[in-house]
Amino acid sequence: MLGFGWPCRVWVSAGCRSGFNMTAPTPVRIISKPGIKRDGTLLEGDEYKDGQWCRFSRRALPRKIAGYKSITSQLPEKVYGMDAYFFGGINYLHLGSESFLEQIQSDQFGNPGAQNDRTPAGFAVNANNLWQFDTFYNTASGQTVLVANGSPNLAEITSLTETPIYYGDVNAATPLVASGMDPVSGGVVAVSPYLIGYGNFGRIDVSAINNVTTAPNSAFVSDQKIVKGLPLRNGSGGPAMILWSMSELIVATYNAALLAGIPFNFNTISSDTSVLSSSAIVEFDGIYYWPEVDHFSMFNGIVRELPNTQNLDFFFKNLNFQYRQKVFAIKVQAACEIWWCFPFGSSTECNHAVIYNTQLGVWYDTPLPDLGRTSGTSPRTFNKPYMTDLDETETGFTLWQHETGLDKNQNGQITPIRSYFKTTEMSPLVAPQPKDKALGVSLVEPDFGQTGDLTLTVYQRANATLSQSASVPKVVPAVVTTPDTQLVYLKENARLLAFQIESNTPGGDYYLGHTLAHIEETDGRYSS
């Protein structure tokens, strides 16, 4: 769709009602519906059709995603699981890998501090170790502690191997030690004042109140392995949690009358759900979102499918399902986004992301930077997501602070980030009163909030069976110096036309405004 509104493909004066009827070039706004539609054909649907490192603002207009800055490039191994905790002006990031548990300290601006090895003594090295973390107040030390479990679940979500739960003061630099909790295969979640371990055959271990040094009480709430737990708001008071088994969604609520044993009632909300990856479940503004094995779901009191008509097929068709457990989710709260990072095509690591915008209810996607990302976390304190990469430098792998600046900033070396969006196709063929005509484009009147030069490319084809061909890119300068640079002059003609706007300069940025293309009806060829 190109036009002043979304009900039709093109809005040119009365064109929305009567189709094209132009004897001279007429201004048409370059705009499509928000989201990037990958499913279906190029000619079907009114959303944008392509994009990279591009998001949609609260005004439903495309804009560049912000940049990312390295905190350290000295991670010894690829990271699979991370946590962030802010204390005393310092961000304590803990990152788990096959052999190590590393602590990286930084401030809110991404300036690095100390790096400490907190690997527990006797930790079982395994290339498939996937970590889960939480923080918990422990009365034994009088401190907030980091609780960690690294189990070999990366290659197989149903792995039965149980490993210890470790803990240690979250702001300490010393190795974690084994807790009094039993080993688990699933992971851990804190629902104050209790720490919960979970895993095989639906087993739930509940700690003593604010104490991880003693043995837990246990219960079996499913016949399937439990792979993820998160805290849940409890309207009746007391702690509560939501648990995902391989086939069920279970809610646990506090019951003071059960203090002699496990003080929770367990209620199976759904016995017909699935989980694609234990790292892909995320809570956003009190609603829980996750991919199942064939669609996306949400829970806001009831389980229902999360609508996705834009890239559902694209995601599942291109997901390397063998590496499903590497799929992970992060939140970009300021942009109302959930990112699901996944291995695309033959990749064995996450190199692409599908993004759900919770405010607009639309989907889009982007390749991930460089070779991809392996893990991420989204602390709210400073509203900066963190991710780790696959590019091994001479000193190790890199921890990145995203939503920072406009470029890739690795140890002060600045590299521009390519960002673009492409509109849906405009044509008299898809107007409310279709005509077998072509469109000629003579000029574009830019209206962008931009930093750095942009380029504008027109994509054209004679009919829907052909591939799009690109015009010579035209520069949209950030600084207008002559009358000729105020407008973008074109001479393109086709039955199907689309526009692509791109930024690829250091410090480059943009958001779309009321940009106009001057078009007129022409005669066009059926084929080429």
Protein backbone atom coordinates (compact mmCIF):
# COMPACT_ATOMS: atom_id res chain seq x y z
CA MET A 1 0.00 0.00 0.00
CA LEU A 2 1.17 3.46 -0.88
CA GLY A 3 -0.99 6.38 0.07
CA PHE A 4 -2.30 8.63 2.82
CA GLY A 5 -4.14 5.81 4.55
CA TRP A 6 -4.23 2.05 4.74
CA PRO A 7 -7.63 1.04 3.32
CA CYS A 8 -6.33 0.80 -0.24
CA ARG A 9 -3.12 0.48 -2.20
CA VAL A 10 -2.93 4.05 -3.54
CA TRP A 11 -4.63 7.26 -2.52
CA VAL A 12 -4.28 9.98 -5.15
CA SER A 13 -6.89 12.69 -4.63
CA ALA A 14 -10.04 10.64 -5.34
CA GLY A 15 -8.03 7.58 -6.40
CA CYS A 16 -9.11 5.59 -3.37
CA ARG A 17 -12.65 5.70 -4.64
CA SER A 18 -12.27 5.68 -8.40
CA GLY A 19 -8.78 4.38 -9.11
CA PHE A 20 -6.12 6.24 -11.10
CA ASN A 21 -7.19 9.01 -13.40
CA MET A 22 -4.12 11.17 -13.87
CA THR A 23 -3.16 13.22 -16.87
CA ALA A 24 -0.20 14.85 -15.07
CA PRO A 25 2.17 13.77 -12.28
CA THR A 26 0.35 13.69 -8.93
CA PRO A 27 1.96 13.54 -5.46
CA VAL A 28 1.51 10.17 -3.74
CA ARG A 29 2.78 9.49 -0.24
CA ILE A 30 5.42 6.75 0.03
CA ILE A 31 4.07 4.66 2.89
CA SER A 32 2.86 1.12 3.57
CA LYS A 33 1.18 -0.61 6.47
CA PRO A 34 3.54 -1.28 9.41
CA GLY A 35 5.36 -4.60 9.56
CA ILE A 36 7.36 -6.58 7.01
CA LYS A 37 5.27 -9.22 5.29
CA ARG A 38 7.38 -12.24 4.34
CA ASP A 39 4.53 -14.72 3.97
CA GLY A 40 2.67 -14.80 0.68
CA THR A 41 3.73 -13.03 -2.53
CA LEU A 42 5.20 -9.59 -3.16
CA LEU A 43 1.95 -8.41 -4.73
CA GLU A 44 -0.25 -9.70 -1.90
CA GLY A 45 -0.82 -7.56 1.18
CA ASP A 46 -0.23 -3.90 2.00
CA GLU A 47 2.70 -4.11 4.44
CA TYR A 48 6.35 -3.36 3.71
CA LYS A 49 7.99 -6.21 1.82
CA ASP A 50 11.64 -6.12 2.85
CA GLY A 51 13.87 -4.57 5.46
CA GLN A 52 17.00 -4.89 7.53
CA TRP A 53 17.82 -3.37 10.91
CA CYS A 54 14.57 -1.42 10.64
CA ARG A 55 11.77 -1.12 13.20
CA PHE A 56 8.41 0.63 13.37
CA SER A 57 7.89 3.60 15.65
CA ARG A 58 4.89 4.24 17.86
CA ARG A 59 3.58 6.28 14.90
CA ALA A 60 3.74 3.06 12.79
CA LEU A 61 6.50 4.47 10.55
CA PRO A 62 9.82 2.79 9.68
CA ARG A 63 12.99 3.93 11.40
CA LYS A 64 16.50 2.60 11.93
CA ILE A 65 17.24 0.32 14.88
CA ALA A 66 19.90 1.78 17.18
CA GLY A 67 23.52 0.62 17.29
CA TYR A 68 25.57 -1.56 19.64
CA LYS A 69 28.78 -1.16 21.62
CA SER A 70 31.29 -3.75 22.83
CA ILE A 71 31.77 -4.07 26.57
CA THR A 72 34.50 -6.70 26.37
CA SER A 73 35.99 -8.99 23.72
CA GLN A 74 37.59 -11.34 26.25
CA LEU A 75 34.94 -13.99 26.72
CA PRO A 76 36.71 -17.38 26.61
CA GLU A 77 33.85 -19.31 24.95
CA LYS A 78 30.51 -18.82 23.22
CA VAL A 79 27.89 -17.89 25.81
CA TYR A 80 24.57 -19.73 26.21
CA GLY A 81 22.69 -18.06 29.04
CA MET A 82 23.20 -14.73 30.79
CA ASP A 83 21.85 -12.54 33.57
CA ALA A 84 22.20 -8.88 34.58
CA TYR A 85 21.85 -7.40 38.07
CA PHE A 86 22.39 -3.74 38.97
CA PHE A 87 23.83 -2.92 42.38
CA GLY A 88 25.52 0.24 43.64
CA GLY A 89 25.78 1.78 40.16
CA ILE A 90 27.43 -1.33 38.71
CA ASN A 91 25.91 -3.80 36.28
CA TYR A 92 26.94 -7.35 37.24
CA LEU A 93 26.57 -9.50 34.12
CA HIS A 94 26.96 -13.26 34.50
CA LEU A 95 27.55 -15.34 31.38
CA GLY A 96 27.58 -19.13 31.19
CA SER A 97 29.36 -21.30 28.62
CA GLU A 98 30.42 -24.93 28.25
CA SER A 99 33.31 -24.61 30.74
CA PHE A 100 33.00 -21.25 32.49
CA LEU A 101 30.81 -18.86 34.41
CA GLU A 102 32.16 -15.36 33.82
CA GLN A 103 31.21 -12.13 35.57
CA ILE A 104 31.56 -8.87 33.62
CA GLN A 105 31.07 -5.56 35.40
CA SER A 106 30.09 -2.36 33.61
CA ASP A 107 28.29 0.92 34.17
CA GLN A 108 25.07 2.10 32.53
CA PHE A 109 27.00 3.52 29.55
CA GLY A 110 28.66 0.21 28.70
CA ASN A 111 32.08 1.14 30.05
CA PRO A 112 33.80 -2.07 31.17
CA GLY A 113 34.94 -2.84 34.68
CA ALA A 114 36.33 -5.98 36.27
CA GLN A 115 36.04 -9.45 34.75
CA ASN A 116 35.98 -12.41 37.15
CA ASP A 117 35.87 -16.18 36.78
CA ARG A 118 33.03 -17.48 38.98
CA THR A 119 33.05 -21.06 37.68
CA PRO A 120 32.08 -23.45 40.52
CA ALA A 121 34.64 -26.01 41.58
CA GLY A 122 33.90 -29.38 39.99
CA PHE A 123 31.53 -27.92 37.38
CA ALA A 124 30.88 -30.52 34.65
CA VAL A 125 32.23 -29.26 31.31
CA ASN A 126 29.86 -30.00 28.44
CA ALA A 127 29.62 -28.45 24.99
CA ASN A 128 25.81 -28.52 25.35
CA ASN A 129 25.63 -26.61 28.64
CA LEU A 130 22.73 -24.13 28.66
CA TRP A 131 22.43 -21.86 31.69
CA GLN A 132 19.51 -20.47 33.66
CA PHE A 133 19.95 -17.76 36.31
CA ASP A 134 17.95 -15.87 38.89
CA THR A 135 18.60 -13.74 41.98
CA PHE A 136 17.37 -14.58 45.46
CA TYR A 137 17.69 -13.13 48.96
CA ASN A 138 19.46 -15.64 51.17
CA THR A 139 19.14 -15.24 54.95
CA ALA A 140 22.20 -17.42 55.51
CA SER A 141 24.44 -14.68 54.05
CA GLY A 142 22.13 -11.70 54.43
CA GLN A 143 22.80 -10.92 50.77
CA THR A 144 21.13 -11.13 47.40
CA VAL A 145 22.65 -14.17 45.74
CA LEU A 146 23.00 -15.26 42.15
CA VAL A 147 21.52 -18.72 41.60
CA ALA A 148 22.73 -20.65 38.56
CA ASN A 149 22.15 -23.98 36.88
CA GLY A 150 24.05 -25.13 33.81
CA SER A 151 22.63 -28.34 32.33
CA PRO A 152 23.41 -30.01 28.96
CA ASN A 153 20.11 -29.01 27.31
CA LEU A 154 21.48 -27.12 24.31
CA ALA A 155 21.27 -30.03 21.86
CA GLU A 156 18.21 -31.70 23.37
CA ILE A 157 15.46 -29.92 25.31
CA THR A 158 14.34 -33.23 26.88
CA SER A 159 17.80 -34.11 28.24
CA LEU A 160 17.50 -35.96 31.57
CA THR A 161 20.97 -35.11 32.90
CA GLU A 162 20.72 -33.41 36.28
CA THR A 163 23.32 -30.93 37.50
CA PRO A 164 23.79 -28.97 40.74
CA ILE A 165 22.25 -25.61 41.54
CA TYR A 166 25.00 -23.15 42.50
CA TYR A 167 24.86 -19.86 44.34
CA GLY A 168 26.99 -16.97 45.58
CA ASP A 169 26.61 -13.29 46.44
CA VAL A 170 25.66 -11.54 43.21
CA ASN A 171 28.28 -8.79 43.60
CA ALA A 172 31.11 -11.06 44.74
CA ALA A 173 34.06 -12.06 42.56
CA THR A 174 34.55 -15.56 43.94
CA PRO A 175 33.36 -18.86 42.41
CA LEU A 176 29.84 -20.01 43.13
CA VAL A 177 29.34 -23.00 45.41
CA ALA A 178 26.82 -25.83 45.44
CA SER A 179 23.55 -25.05 47.20
CA GLY A 180 21.59 -27.39 49.39
CA MET A 181 19.04 -27.81 46.62
CA ASP A 182 18.87 -31.08 44.70
CA PRO A 183 20.36 -31.33 41.18
CA VAL A 184 17.89 -30.59 38.37
CA SER A 185 17.73 -30.92 34.60
CA GLY A 186 15.39 -28.01 33.84
CA GLY A 187 16.50 -24.91 35.70
CA VAL A 188 15.64 -22.47 38.50
CA VAL A 189 13.28 -19.60 39.22
CA ALA A 190 12.97 -17.37 42.29
CA VAL A 191 9.47 -16.61 43.57
CA SER A 192 10.29 -14.78 46.77
CA PRO A 193 10.69 -16.00 49.43
CA TYR A 194 11.21 -19.39 47.74
CA LEU A 195 13.69 -20.72 45.22
CA ILE A 196 12.27 -23.32 42.84
CA GLY A 197 14.22 -26.00 41.00
CA TYR A 198 12.52 -28.06 38.29
CA GLY A 199 13.16 -30.80 35.78
CA ASN A 200 12.51 -34.47 35.06
CA PHE A 201 9.05 -36.04 35.29
CA GLY A 202 7.43 -32.81 36.45
CA ARG A 203 9.46 -32.56 39.65
CA ILE A 204 9.34 -29.28 41.56
CA ASP A 205 11.80 -28.57 44.39
CA VAL A 206 10.87 -25.76 46.80
CA SER A 207 13.53 -24.28 49.08
CA ALA A 208 13.13 -23.23 52.68
CA ILE A 209 12.09 -19.60 53.10
CA ASN A 210 14.95 -17.34 51.92
CA ASN A 211 17.40 -20.19 52.29
CA VAL A 212 19.17 -22.22 49.60
CA THR A 213 21.53 -24.08 51.92
CA THR A 214 19.12 -26.75 53.13
CA ALA A 215 17.38 -29.59 51.32
CA PRO A 216 14.10 -28.71 49.52
CA ASN A 217 10.63 -30.16 49.64
CA SER A 218 9.54 -31.84 46.39
CA ALA A 219 6.39 -32.56 44.44
CA PHE A 220 5.57 -34.03 41.02
CA VAL A 221 3.11 -31.86 39.09
CA SER A 222 3.39 -33.39 35.59
CA ASP A 223 4.56 -36.52 33.85
CA GLN A 224 6.72 -34.41 31.49
CA LYS A 225 9.99 -32.60 32.08
CA ILE A 226 9.52 -29.00 33.20
CA VAL A 227 11.80 -26.76 31.12
CA LYS A 228 10.99 -23.21 32.26
CA GLY A 229 9.51 -21.31 35.19
CA LEU A 230 8.76 -17.61 35.64
CA PRO A 231 7.20 -15.56 38.45
CA LEU A 232 3.49 -14.79 38.07
CA ARG A 233 1.40 -11.98 39.55
CA ASN A 234 -0.96 -13.42 42.13
CA GLY A 235 -4.14 -11.40 42.68
CA SER A 236 -4.93 -13.31 45.87
CA GLY A 237 -1.56 -12.52 47.44
CA GLY A 238 1.61 -14.50 48.03
CA PRO A 239 4.13 -15.90 45.56
CA ALA A 240 3.03 -17.56 42.33
CA MET A 241 4.70 -18.97 39.26
CA ILE A 242 3.98 -20.27 35.79
CA LEU A 243 5.66 -23.47 34.61
CA TRP A 244 6.13 -24.89 31.12
CA SER A 245 6.49 -28.64 30.72
CA MET A 246 7.00 -30.26 27.33
CA SER A 247 3.22 -30.49 26.87
CA GLU A 248 1.54 -28.47 29.63
CA LEU A 249 1.21 -24.99 31.08
CA ILE A 250 0.91 -25.09 34.88
CA VAL A 251 0.19 -22.27 37.33
CA ALA A 252 1.29 -22.53 40.97
CA THR A 253 -0.24 -20.25 43.61
CA TYR A 254 0.66 -19.82 47.26
CA ASN A 255 -1.47 -21.55 49.89
CA ALA A 256 -0.52 -20.74 53.49
CA ALA A 257 -2.45 -23.76 54.74
CA LEU A 258 0.13 -26.04 53.12
CA LEU A 259 3.18 -24.71 55.02
CA ALA A 260 3.96 -28.16 56.40
CA GLY A 261 4.84 -29.32 52.91
CA ILE A 262 4.99 -27.44 49.60
CA PRO A 263 2.97 -24.22 50.07
CA PHE A 264 1.60 -24.11 46.51
CA ASN A 265 -1.50 -25.27 44.72
CA PHE A 266 -0.83 -26.45 41.15
CA ASN A 267 -3.35 -25.97 38.38
CA THR A 268 -2.89 -27.21 34.80
CA ILE A 269 -4.04 -24.38 32.52
CA SER A 270 -3.48 -26.30 29.30
CA SER A 271 -2.50 -29.89 28.63
CA ASP A 272 -1.98 -29.33 24.91
CA THR A 273 0.89 -26.85 24.56
CA SER A 274 4.48 -27.18 23.40
CA VAL A 275 7.74 -25.31 23.84
CA LEU A 276 10.17 -24.69 21.00
CA SER A 277 13.03 -23.58 23.27
CA SER A 278 13.37 -23.03 27.00
CA SER A 279 15.26 -19.77 26.30
CA ALA A 280 12.52 -18.36 24.06
CA ILE A 281 9.86 -17.71 26.74
CA VAL A 282 9.47 -14.09 27.79
CA GLU A 283 7.18 -11.95 29.94
CA PHE A 284 6.25 -8.52 28.59
CA ASP A 285 4.02 -6.19 30.63
CA GLY A 286 2.48 -9.10 32.51
CA ILE A 287 1.78 -11.22 29.40
CA TYR A 288 3.83 -14.30 28.56
CA TYR A 289 4.89 -15.03 24.98
CA TRP A 290 6.65 -18.03 23.46
CA PRO A 291 6.99 -20.03 20.23
CA GLU A 292 5.52 -23.50 20.22
CA VAL A 293 6.69 -26.03 17.63
CA ASP A 294 4.34 -24.70 14.93
CA HIS A 295 3.00 -21.29 16.04
CA PHE A 296 3.45 -18.51 18.61
CA SER A 297 1.39 -18.45 21.80
CA MET A 298 0.61 -16.06 24.63
CA PHE A 299 -0.83 -16.33 28.13
CA ASN A 300 -2.72 -13.50 29.83
CA GLY A 301 -4.98 -15.63 32.00
CA ILE A 302 -5.81 -17.96 29.14
CA VAL A 303 -3.61 -19.58 26.50
CA ARG A 304 -4.23 -18.46 22.95
CA GLU A 305 -2.37 -18.29 19.66
CA LEU A 306 -0.49 -15.06 19.01
CA PRO A 307 -1.72 -13.87 15.59
CA ASN A 308 0.98 -13.64 12.93
CA THR A 309 0.02 -13.23 9.28
CA GLN A 310 3.31 -11.58 8.32
CA ASN A 311 6.18 -13.99 9.01
CA LEU A 312 4.89 -17.15 10.71
CA ASP A 313 5.61 -19.37 7.69
CA PHE A 314 8.87 -17.52 7.11
CA PHE A 315 10.02 -18.33 10.66
CA PHE A 316 9.14 -22.02 10.74
CA LYS A 317 10.17 -22.69 7.13
CA ASN A 318 13.63 -21.19 7.68
CA LEU A 319 14.24 -22.32 11.27
CA ASN A 320 16.96 -24.95 11.55
CA PHE A 321 14.82 -27.12 13.81
CA GLN A 322 17.69 -29.37 14.86
CA TYR A 323 19.07 -26.41 16.82
CA ARG A 324 15.73 -25.29 18.31
CA GLN A 325 17.19 -24.99 21.82
CA LYS A 326 19.49 -22.19 20.65
CA VAL A 327 16.48 -19.97 19.93
CA PHE A 328 16.39 -17.20 22.54
CA ALA A 329 14.26 -14.14 23.23
CA ILE A 330 15.10 -10.61 24.34
CA LYS A 331 12.94 -7.56 24.98
CA VAL A 332 13.45 -3.99 23.78
CA GLN A 333 10.91 -2.41 26.08
CA ALA A 334 11.37 1.16 24.84
CA ALA A 335 10.42 0.04 21.33
CA CYS A 336 7.65 -2.35 22.54
CA GLU A 337 9.50 -5.26 20.91
CA ILE A 338 10.14 -8.94 21.54
CA TRP A 339 12.97 -10.43 19.48
CA TRP A 340 13.15 -14.17 18.83
CA CYS A 341 16.66 -14.94 17.57
CA PHE A 342 16.93 -18.19 15.62
CA PRO A 343 19.26 -20.23 13.36
CA PHE A 344 18.21 -19.37 9.80
CA GLY A 345 18.46 -21.96 7.03
CA SER A 346 21.54 -24.15 7.40
CA SER A 347 23.03 -22.01 10.18
CA THR A 348 23.70 -23.80 13.46
CA GLU A 349 23.66 -20.54 15.45
CA CYS A 350 21.19 -17.67 15.75
CA ASN A 351 21.77 -15.34 12.80
CA HIS A 352 18.28 -13.90 12.26
CA ALA A 353 15.45 -12.51 14.39
CA VAL A 354 11.71 -12.18 14.02
CA ILE A 355 10.32 -9.26 16.00
CA TYR A 356 6.86 -8.74 17.48
CA ASN A 357 5.77 -5.18 18.23
CA THR A 358 3.38 -5.46 21.17
CA GLN A 359 1.97 -1.93 20.76
CA LEU A 360 1.22 -2.10 17.03
CA GLY A 361 0.51 -5.85 16.94
CA VAL A 362 2.75 -6.30 13.88
CA TRP A 363 5.74 -8.46 12.95
CA TYR A 364 9.01 -7.78 11.15
CA ASP A 365 12.46 -9.34 10.99
CA THR A 366 16.14 -8.63 10.53
CA PRO A 367 19.44 -10.44 10.06
CA LEU A 368 21.48 -10.34 13.26
CA PRO A 369 24.82 -8.50 13.18
CA ASP A 370 28.04 -10.09 11.96
CA LEU A 371 27.85 -13.90 12.22
CA GLY A 372 24.97 -13.76 14.71
CA ARG A 373 24.28 -13.83 18.45
CA THR A 374 24.26 -16.69 20.97
CA SER A 375 22.54 -15.29 24.04
CA GLY A 376 20.90 -12.18 25.45
CA THR A 377 19.25 -10.55 28.43
CA SER A 378 17.06 -7.48 28.83
CA PRO A 379 17.44 -5.74 32.21
CA ARG A 380 15.00 -2.88 32.79
CA THR A 381 17.17 -0.73 35.06
CA PHE A 382 18.98 1.05 32.22
CA ASN A 383 16.79 -0.33 29.40
CA LYS A 384 19.71 -1.68 27.36
CA PRO A 385 19.61 -5.27 26.05
CA TYR A 386 22.86 -7.25 26.07
CA MET A 387 23.86 -9.97 23.60
CA THR A 388 26.94 -12.09 22.94
CA ASP A 389 28.39 -12.94 19.54
CA LEU A 390 29.99 -15.66 17.43
CA ASP A 391 32.95 -13.68 16.09
CA GLU A 392 36.06 -14.86 17.90
CA THR A 393 38.71 -12.15 18.09
CA GLU A 394 42.34 -12.64 19.12
CA THR A 395 41.23 -12.20 22.74
CA GLY A 396 37.88 -14.02 22.68
CA PHE A 397 34.19 -13.47 22.02
CA THR A 398 32.39 -10.18 22.55
CA LEU A 399 29.65 -8.96 24.87
CA TRP A 400 27.58 -6.18 23.27
CA GLN A 401 25.34 -3.52 24.75
CA HIS A 402 22.60 -2.92 22.19
CA GLU A 403 20.38 0.14 21.68
CA THR A 404 23.50 2.25 22.10
CA GLY A 405 24.61 4.87 19.58
CA LEU A 406 23.95 4.49 15.87
CA ASP A 407 26.89 2.35 14.71
CA LYS A 408 28.79 -0.80 15.55
CA ASN A 409 31.35 0.39 18.09
CA GLN A 410 33.93 -2.28 18.86
CA ASN A 411 36.60 -0.99 21.20
CA GLY A 412 36.27 2.48 19.67
CA GLN A 413 36.38 1.30 16.04
CA ILE A 414 33.25 2.61 14.32
CA THR A 415 31.52 0.69 11.52
CA PRO A 416 28.26 1.89 9.93
CA ILE A 417 25.18 -0.33 10.16
CA ARG A 418 23.22 -0.95 6.97
CA SER A 419 19.52 -0.31 7.47
CA TYR A 420 16.75 -0.20 4.88
CA PHE A 421 13.07 -0.75 4.18
CA LYS A 422 11.17 -1.49 0.98
CA THR A 423 7.52 -0.58 0.38
CA THR A 424 4.83 -2.79 -1.04
CA GLU A 425 4.28 -2.46 -4.79
CA MET A 426 2.09 0.29 -6.17
CA SER A 427 0.18 -0.14 -9.40
CA PRO A 428 -3.10 0.76 -11.09
CA LEU A 429 -3.56 -3.02 -11.33
CA VAL A 430 -4.35 -3.24 -7.60
CA ALA A 431 -6.32 0.00 -7.23
CA PRO A 432 -9.99 -0.26 -6.14
CA GLN A 433 -10.91 0.12 -9.83
CA PRO A 434 -8.04 -1.71 -11.54
CA LYS A 435 -6.60 -0.45 -14.82
CA ASP A 436 -4.18 -2.09 -17.18
CA LYS A 437 -1.75 0.81 -16.97
CA ALA A 438 1.77 1.47 -15.76
CA LEU A 439 3.13 4.22 -13.52
CA GLY A 440 5.85 6.69 -14.28
CA VAL A 441 7.81 8.32 -11.45
CA SER A 442 9.44 11.67 -12.20
CA LEU A 443 10.63 12.88 -8.79
CA VAL A 444 10.45 12.31 -5.04
CA GLU A 445 10.06 15.01 -2.39
CA PRO A 446 11.96 13.66 0.64
CA ASP A 447 10.73 14.12 4.18
CA PHE A 448 12.95 12.21 6.60
CA GLY A 449 14.29 12.80 10.04
CA GLN A 450 17.78 11.82 8.97
CA THR A 451 21.42 11.96 9.93
CA GLY A 452 23.80 11.16 7.09
CA ASP A 453 22.93 10.62 3.46
CA LEU A 454 20.27 8.12 2.40
CA THR A 455 19.82 6.36 -0.92
CA LEU A 456 16.54 5.81 -2.75
CA THR A 457 16.09 2.93 -5.20
CA VAL A 458 13.02 2.17 -7.32
CA TYR A 459 12.22 -1.51 -7.87
CA GLN A 460 10.11 -2.37 -10.89
CA ARG A 461 8.68 -5.25 -12.90
CA ALA A 462 6.14 -5.75 -15.65
CA ASN A 463 4.11 -8.49 -13.96
CA ALA A 464 3.99 -10.57 -10.81
CA THR A 465 5.89 -13.56 -12.25
CA LEU A 466 9.07 -11.54 -12.78
CA SER A 467 11.80 -10.66 -10.30
CA GLN A 468 12.14 -7.02 -9.36
CA SER A 469 14.86 -5.01 -11.09
CA ALA A 470 16.51 -2.08 -9.34
CA SER A 471 17.11 1.40 -10.65
CA VAL A 472 20.37 3.26 -10.12
CA PRO A 473 20.32 4.38 -6.46
CA LYS A 474 19.78 8.10 -5.94
CA VAL A 475 21.29 10.02 -3.03
CA VAL A 476 19.00 11.75 -0.55
CA PRO A 477 21.45 14.18 1.06
CA ALA A 478 21.26 15.00 4.74
CA VAL A 479 22.38 18.55 3.97
CA VAL A 480 20.81 20.38 1.01
CA THR A 481 23.38 22.61 -0.69
CA THR A 482 21.77 23.47 -4.06
CA PRO A 483 18.23 23.60 -5.49
CA ASP A 484 18.93 20.38 -7.40
CA THR A 485 19.51 18.48 -4.14
CA GLN A 486 16.17 19.47 -2.63
CA LEU A 487 14.38 16.82 -4.71
CA VAL A 488 15.25 13.39 -6.07
CA TYR A 489 14.77 13.31 -9.84
CA LEU A 490 13.80 10.00 -11.43
CA LYS A 491 12.72 8.56 -14.75
CA GLU A 492 11.26 5.16 -13.97
CA ASN A 493 8.25 3.44 -15.52
CA ALA A 494 6.64 0.04 -14.83
CA ARG A 495 3.35 -1.69 -14.12
CA LEU A 496 4.57 -2.57 -10.60
CA LEU A 497 6.75 -0.16 -8.59
CA ALA A 498 8.27 -0.24 -5.08
CA PHE A 499 10.62 2.13 -3.24
CA GLN A 500 13.58 1.27 -1.03
CA ILE A 501 15.21 3.72 1.39
CA GLU A 502 18.65 2.83 2.78
CA SER A 503 21.11 4.23 5.32
CA ASN A 504 24.71 2.98 5.38
CA THR A 505 26.93 5.82 6.60
CA PRO A 506 28.77 6.31 9.92
CA GLY A 507 26.37 7.93 12.36
CA GLY A 508 23.52 7.32 9.93
CA ASP A 509 19.94 7.48 11.17
CA TYR A 510 16.47 8.03 9.76
CA TYR A 511 12.76 7.90 10.30
CA LEU A 512 10.16 8.24 7.58
CA GLY A 513 7.96 11.33 7.40
CA HIS A 514 5.58 12.57 4.68
CA THR A 515 7.73 11.66 1.65
CA LEU A 516 5.99 12.12 -1.70
CA ALA A 517 6.49 10.50 -5.10
CA HIS A 518 5.18 12.30 -8.20
CA ILE A 519 3.55 9.68 -10.43
CA GLU A 520 1.39 9.54 -13.52
CA GLU A 521 -0.36 6.86 -15.50
CA THR A 522 1.48 5.59 -18.57
CA ASP A 523 1.25 2.70 -20.94
CA GLY A 524 3.14 -0.32 -19.77
CA ARG A 525 4.22 -3.62 -21.26
CA TYR A 526 2.75 -6.91 -20.01
CA SER A 527 6.16 -8.55 -20.03
CA SER A 528 9.82 -7.71 -20.38
